[in-house]
């Protein structure tokens, strides 16, 4: 979101894509300034969360490599992620050679 000048008036503008398409949300007012402030706060929080997740993921990747833990094929990973999204992961157990794929 950003301010955009249209015919001499400032409007709050929400961009939808990189080509500059978007929607005007209203003239500059205390309400639109609050909308922009809330958006910027949420964006800052999401950037902080993403940085923390990336750091944790990098640490976990180093640990997995150091412990020589195996990886599963992409298909199995996708299925397990979908089961997790449906809250069904706790009801399933992966058996067989799939969890030990490329284990050396």
N, C-alpha and C. Protein backbone atom coordinates (compact mmCIF):
# COMPACT_ATOMS: atom_id res chain seq x y z
N UNK A 1 0.85 -1.17 0.00
CA UNK A 1 0.00 0.00 0.00
C UNK A 1 0.89 1.23 0.00
N UNK A 2 0.37 2.24 -0.64
CA UNK A 2 1.11 3.49 -0.69
C UNK A 2 0.13 4.62 -1.02
N UNK A 3 0.64 5.85 -0.88
CA UNK A 3 -0.17 7.00 -1.25
C UNK A 3 0.04 7.27 -2.73
N UNK A 4 -1.04 7.63 -3.42
CA UNK A 4 -0.98 7.94 -4.84
C UNK A 4 -1.73 9.24 -5.08
N UNK A 5 -1.12 10.13 -5.85
CA UNK A 5 -1.76 11.42 -6.15
C UNK A 5 -2.57 11.28 -7.44
N UNK A 6 -3.86 11.59 -7.33
CA UNK A 6 -4.77 11.56 -8.48
C UNK A 6 -5.50 12.89 -8.52
N UNK A 7 -5.28 13.64 -9.60
CA UNK A 7 -5.91 14.95 -9.79
C UNK A 7 -5.72 15.87 -8.58
N UNK A 8 -4.53 15.87 -8.04
CA UNK A 8 -4.19 16.77 -6.95
C UNK A 8 -4.57 16.28 -5.57
N UNK A 9 -5.19 15.14 -5.44
CA UNK A 9 -5.58 14.61 -4.13
C UNK A 9 -4.83 13.31 -3.88
N UNK A 10 -4.47 13.08 -2.60
CA UNK A 10 -3.77 11.86 -2.24
C UNK A 10 -4.78 10.78 -1.85
N UNK A 11 -4.57 9.59 -2.40
CA UNK A 11 -5.42 8.45 -2.12
C UNK A 11 -4.56 7.30 -1.63
N UNK A 12 -5.12 6.49 -0.76
CA UNK A 12 -4.45 5.26 -0.35
C UNK A 12 -4.67 4.24 -1.45
N UNK A 13 -3.58 3.64 -1.93
CA UNK A 13 -3.64 2.76 -3.09
C UNK A 13 -3.08 1.40 -2.71
N UNK A 14 -3.86 0.35 -2.97
CA UNK A 14 -3.41 -1.02 -2.72
C UNK A 14 -3.06 -1.65 -4.06
N UNK A 15 -1.78 -1.98 -4.23
CA UNK A 15 -1.32 -2.60 -5.47
C UNK A 15 -1.63 -4.09 -5.44
N UNK A 16 -2.05 -4.63 -6.59
CA UNK A 16 -2.34 -6.04 -6.71
C UNK A 16 -1.24 -6.81 -7.44
N UNK A 17 -0.52 -6.13 -8.32
CA UNK A 17 0.52 -6.83 -9.08
C UNK A 17 1.66 -5.87 -9.39
N UNK A 18 2.68 -6.38 -10.07
CA UNK A 18 3.86 -5.59 -10.37
C UNK A 18 3.65 -4.58 -11.49
N UNK A 19 2.56 -4.73 -12.22
CA UNK A 19 2.29 -3.79 -13.31
C UNK A 19 1.66 -2.50 -12.81
N UNK A 20 1.37 -2.42 -11.54
CA UNK A 20 0.78 -1.22 -10.98
C UNK A 20 -0.74 -1.25 -10.89
N UNK A 21 -1.34 -2.39 -11.21
CA UNK A 21 -2.79 -2.51 -11.08
C UNK A 21 -3.14 -2.57 -9.59
N UNK A 22 -4.25 -1.97 -9.24
CA UNK A 22 -4.66 -1.98 -7.85
C UNK A 22 -5.98 -1.27 -7.65
N UNK A 23 -6.21 -0.83 -6.43
CA UNK A 23 -7.48 -0.21 -6.07
C UNK A 23 -7.24 0.96 -5.14
N UNK A 24 -7.95 2.05 -5.40
CA UNK A 24 -7.92 3.19 -4.51
C UNK A 24 -8.84 2.90 -3.33
N UNK A 25 -8.33 3.12 -2.12
CA UNK A 25 -9.12 2.82 -0.92
C UNK A 25 -9.74 4.05 -0.28
N UNK A 26 -9.46 5.22 -0.82
CA UNK A 26 -10.06 6.43 -0.28
C UNK A 26 -9.05 7.55 -0.16
N UNK A 27 -9.59 8.77 -0.04
CA UNK A 27 -8.71 9.94 0.13
C UNK A 27 -7.98 9.87 1.46
N UNK A 28 -6.89 10.64 1.52
CA UNK A 28 -6.11 10.67 2.76
C UNK A 28 -6.97 11.24 3.87
N UNK A 29 -7.11 10.47 4.93
CA UNK A 29 -7.90 10.86 6.10
C UNK A 29 -7.34 10.10 7.29
N UNK A 30 -7.78 10.41 8.49
CA UNK A 30 -7.31 9.64 9.65
C UNK A 30 -7.62 8.15 9.53
N UNK A 31 -8.75 7.80 8.91
CA UNK A 31 -9.11 6.39 8.75
C UNK A 31 -8.16 5.68 7.79
N UNK A 32 -7.88 6.32 6.65
CA UNK A 32 -6.98 5.67 5.69
C UNK A 32 -5.55 5.63 6.21
N UNK A 33 -5.17 6.62 7.01
CA UNK A 33 -3.83 6.59 7.61
C UNK A 33 -3.73 5.45 8.62
N UNK A 34 -4.82 5.17 9.35
CA UNK A 34 -4.83 4.03 10.27
C UNK A 34 -4.75 2.72 9.50
N UNK A 35 -5.43 2.64 8.37
CA UNK A 35 -5.36 1.43 7.54
C UNK A 35 -3.93 1.20 7.08
N UNK A 36 -3.27 2.25 6.61
CA UNK A 36 -1.89 2.13 6.16
C UNK A 36 -0.95 1.76 7.31
N UNK A 37 -1.16 2.38 8.48
CA UNK A 37 -0.31 2.06 9.63
C UNK A 37 -0.48 0.60 10.05
N UNK A 38 -1.73 0.12 10.07
CA UNK A 38 -1.97 -1.28 10.43
C UNK A 38 -1.33 -2.22 9.40
N UNK A 39 -1.41 -1.86 8.13
CA UNK A 39 -0.78 -2.66 7.08
C UNK A 39 0.73 -2.72 7.27
N UNK A 40 1.34 -1.57 7.53
CA UNK A 40 2.79 -1.53 7.70
C UNK A 40 3.24 -2.30 8.94
N UNK A 41 2.47 -2.22 10.02
CA UNK A 41 2.80 -2.99 11.23
C UNK A 41 2.71 -4.49 10.95
N UNK A 42 1.65 -4.90 10.26
CA UNK A 42 1.49 -6.31 9.92
C UNK A 42 2.61 -6.79 9.01
N UNK A 43 3.00 -5.95 8.07
CA UNK A 43 4.09 -6.30 7.16
C UNK A 43 5.40 -6.45 7.92
N UNK A 44 5.65 -5.55 8.86
CA UNK A 44 6.88 -5.64 9.66
C UNK A 44 6.87 -6.91 10.51
N UNK A 45 5.71 -7.24 11.11
CA UNK A 45 5.62 -8.46 11.91
C UNK A 45 5.84 -9.70 11.05
N UNK A 46 5.29 -9.69 9.85
CA UNK A 46 5.47 -10.87 8.98
C UNK A 46 6.92 -11.00 8.53
N UNK A 47 7.61 -9.90 8.29
CA UNK A 47 9.03 -9.96 7.93
C UNK A 47 9.86 -10.51 9.09
N UNK A 48 9.54 -10.08 10.31
CA UNK A 48 10.25 -10.59 11.49
C UNK A 48 10.00 -12.08 11.66
N UNK A 49 8.76 -12.50 11.48
CA UNK A 49 8.41 -13.92 11.60
C UNK A 49 9.11 -14.75 10.54
N UNK A 50 9.14 -14.24 9.32
CA UNK A 50 9.81 -14.95 8.24
C UNK A 50 11.31 -15.08 8.51
N UNK A 51 11.92 -14.03 9.03
CA UNK A 51 13.34 -14.09 9.36
C UNK A 51 13.60 -15.14 10.44
N UNK A 52 12.73 -15.21 11.44
CA UNK A 52 12.89 -16.20 12.51
C UNK A 52 12.70 -17.61 11.97
N UNK A 53 11.73 -17.80 11.09
CA UNK A 53 11.50 -19.12 10.51
C UNK A 53 12.67 -19.53 9.64
N UNK A 54 13.19 -18.60 8.84
CA UNK A 54 14.35 -18.92 8.00
C UNK A 54 15.56 -19.31 8.85
N UNK A 55 15.78 -18.58 9.94
CA UNK A 55 16.90 -18.90 10.82
C UNK A 55 16.74 -20.29 11.41
N UNK A 56 15.53 -20.60 11.86
CA UNK A 56 15.26 -21.92 12.44
C UNK A 56 15.41 -23.01 11.38
N UNK A 57 14.96 -22.75 10.18
CA UNK A 57 15.07 -23.73 9.10
C UNK A 57 16.53 -23.98 8.73
N UNK A 58 17.32 -22.93 8.66
CA UNK A 58 18.75 -23.08 8.36
C UNK A 58 19.44 -23.89 9.45
N UNK A 59 19.10 -23.62 10.70
CA UNK A 59 19.69 -24.36 11.81
C UNK A 59 19.29 -25.84 11.75
N UNK A 60 18.02 -26.09 11.45
CA UNK A 60 17.55 -27.46 11.35
C UNK A 60 18.22 -28.19 10.19
N UNK A 61 18.40 -27.49 9.07
CA UNK A 61 19.06 -28.10 7.91
C UNK A 61 20.50 -28.48 8.25
N UNK A 62 21.20 -27.61 8.96
CA UNK A 62 22.59 -27.92 9.36
C UNK A 62 22.62 -29.12 10.29
N UNK A 63 21.67 -29.17 11.23
CA UNK A 63 21.61 -30.28 12.17
C UNK A 63 21.32 -31.59 11.43
N UNK A 64 20.35 -31.57 10.50
CA UNK A 64 20.02 -32.77 9.73
C UNK A 64 21.22 -33.25 8.92
N UNK A 65 21.95 -32.32 8.36
CA UNK A 65 23.13 -32.69 7.57
C UNK A 65 24.21 -33.27 8.47
N UNK A 66 24.42 -32.66 9.63
CA UNK A 66 25.45 -33.14 10.55
C UNK A 66 25.12 -34.53 11.09
N UNK A 67 23.83 -34.78 11.34
CA UNK A 67 23.42 -36.08 11.86
C UNK A 67 23.18 -37.10 10.75
N UNK A 68 23.35 -36.66 9.52
CA UNK A 68 23.16 -37.51 8.34
C UNK A 68 21.76 -38.15 8.33
N UNK A 69 20.78 -37.30 8.62
CA UNK A 69 19.40 -37.78 8.60
C UNK A 69 18.93 -37.90 7.16
N UNK A 70 18.06 -38.86 6.92
CA UNK A 70 17.58 -39.12 5.57
C UNK A 70 16.47 -38.15 5.19
N UNK A 71 16.24 -38.09 3.90
CA UNK A 71 15.14 -37.29 3.37
C UNK A 71 14.17 -38.22 2.67
N UNK A 72 12.93 -37.77 2.57
CA UNK A 72 11.93 -38.57 1.87
C UNK A 72 11.70 -37.97 0.49
N UNK A 73 11.17 -38.75 -0.44
CA UNK A 73 10.88 -38.22 -1.76
C UNK A 73 9.84 -37.10 -1.70
N UNK A 74 9.82 -36.26 -2.70
CA UNK A 74 8.90 -35.13 -2.75
C UNK A 74 7.45 -35.57 -2.67
N UNK A 75 7.10 -36.66 -3.32
CA UNK A 75 5.72 -37.14 -3.32
C UNK A 75 5.27 -37.46 -1.90
N UNK A 76 6.10 -38.15 -1.16
CA UNK A 76 5.76 -38.51 0.21
C UNK A 76 5.65 -37.25 1.07
N UNK A 77 6.57 -36.32 0.87
CA UNK A 77 6.51 -35.06 1.61
C UNK A 77 5.24 -34.29 1.35
N UNK A 78 4.83 -34.22 0.07
CA UNK A 78 3.59 -33.53 -0.28
C UNK A 78 2.38 -34.19 0.37
N UNK A 79 2.36 -35.50 0.35
CA UNK A 79 1.23 -36.22 0.97
C UNK A 79 1.19 -35.96 2.47
N UNK A 80 2.35 -36.02 3.13
CA UNK A 80 2.39 -35.77 4.57
C UNK A 80 2.00 -34.34 4.92
N UNK A 81 2.41 -33.36 4.09
CA UNK A 81 2.02 -31.97 4.34
C UNK A 81 0.51 -31.79 4.17
N UNK A 82 -0.06 -32.47 3.17
CA UNK A 82 -1.51 -32.38 2.96
C UNK A 82 -2.26 -33.02 4.13
N UNK A 83 -1.77 -34.15 4.62
CA UNK A 83 -2.39 -34.78 5.79
C UNK A 83 -2.30 -33.86 7.00
N UNK A 84 -1.17 -33.18 7.15
CA UNK A 84 -0.99 -32.26 8.27
C UNK A 84 -1.95 -31.08 8.14
N UNK A 85 -2.13 -30.57 6.93
CA UNK A 85 -3.05 -29.46 6.71
C UNK A 85 -4.49 -29.84 7.06
N UNK A 86 -4.83 -31.12 6.88
CA UNK A 86 -6.18 -31.61 7.20
C UNK A 86 -6.27 -32.14 8.63
N UNK A 87 -5.25 -31.95 9.42
CA UNK A 87 -5.18 -32.44 10.81
C UNK A 87 -5.35 -33.95 10.90
N UNK A 88 -4.83 -34.66 9.92
CA UNK A 88 -4.91 -36.12 9.92
C UNK A 88 -3.56 -36.78 10.14
N UNK A 89 -2.51 -35.99 10.28
CA UNK A 89 -1.17 -36.54 10.36
C UNK A 89 -0.99 -37.41 11.60
N UNK A 90 -1.64 -37.05 12.70
CA UNK A 90 -1.51 -37.82 13.92
C UNK A 90 -2.15 -39.20 13.85
N UNK A 91 -3.01 -39.42 12.87
CA UNK A 91 -3.69 -40.71 12.75
C UNK A 91 -2.97 -41.66 11.81
N UNK A 92 -1.88 -41.20 11.18
CA UNK A 92 -1.14 -42.03 10.23
C UNK A 92 0.27 -42.28 10.72
N UNK A 93 0.82 -43.41 10.35
CA UNK A 93 2.21 -43.73 10.63
C UNK A 93 2.85 -44.15 9.32
N UNK A 94 4.00 -43.58 9.01
CA UNK A 94 4.71 -43.93 7.79
C UNK A 94 5.60 -45.12 8.10
N UNK A 95 5.38 -46.21 7.36
CA UNK A 95 6.14 -47.44 7.56
C UNK A 95 6.88 -47.80 6.27
N UNK A 96 7.83 -48.66 6.40
CA UNK A 96 8.51 -49.18 5.22
C UNK A 96 9.79 -48.42 4.91
N UNK A 97 10.17 -48.47 3.65
CA UNK A 97 11.46 -47.89 3.25
C UNK A 97 11.37 -46.40 3.00
N UNK A 98 10.18 -45.84 2.87
CA UNK A 98 10.07 -44.43 2.53
C UNK A 98 10.76 -43.50 3.54
N UNK A 99 10.62 -43.71 4.85
CA UNK A 99 11.28 -42.79 5.77
C UNK A 99 12.80 -42.92 5.75
N UNK A 100 13.32 -44.02 5.20
CA UNK A 100 14.76 -44.22 5.16
C UNK A 100 15.31 -44.04 3.75
N UNK A 101 14.59 -43.29 2.94
CA UNK A 101 15.02 -43.05 1.57
C UNK A 101 16.41 -42.40 1.55
N UNK A 102 17.30 -42.93 0.78
CA UNK A 102 18.68 -42.48 0.65
C UNK A 102 19.45 -42.48 1.94
N UNK A 103 19.07 -43.33 2.86
CA UNK A 103 19.79 -43.43 4.12
C UNK A 103 21.09 -44.17 3.89
N UNK A 104 22.17 -43.61 4.35
CA UNK A 104 23.49 -44.22 4.14
C UNK A 104 24.21 -44.36 5.45
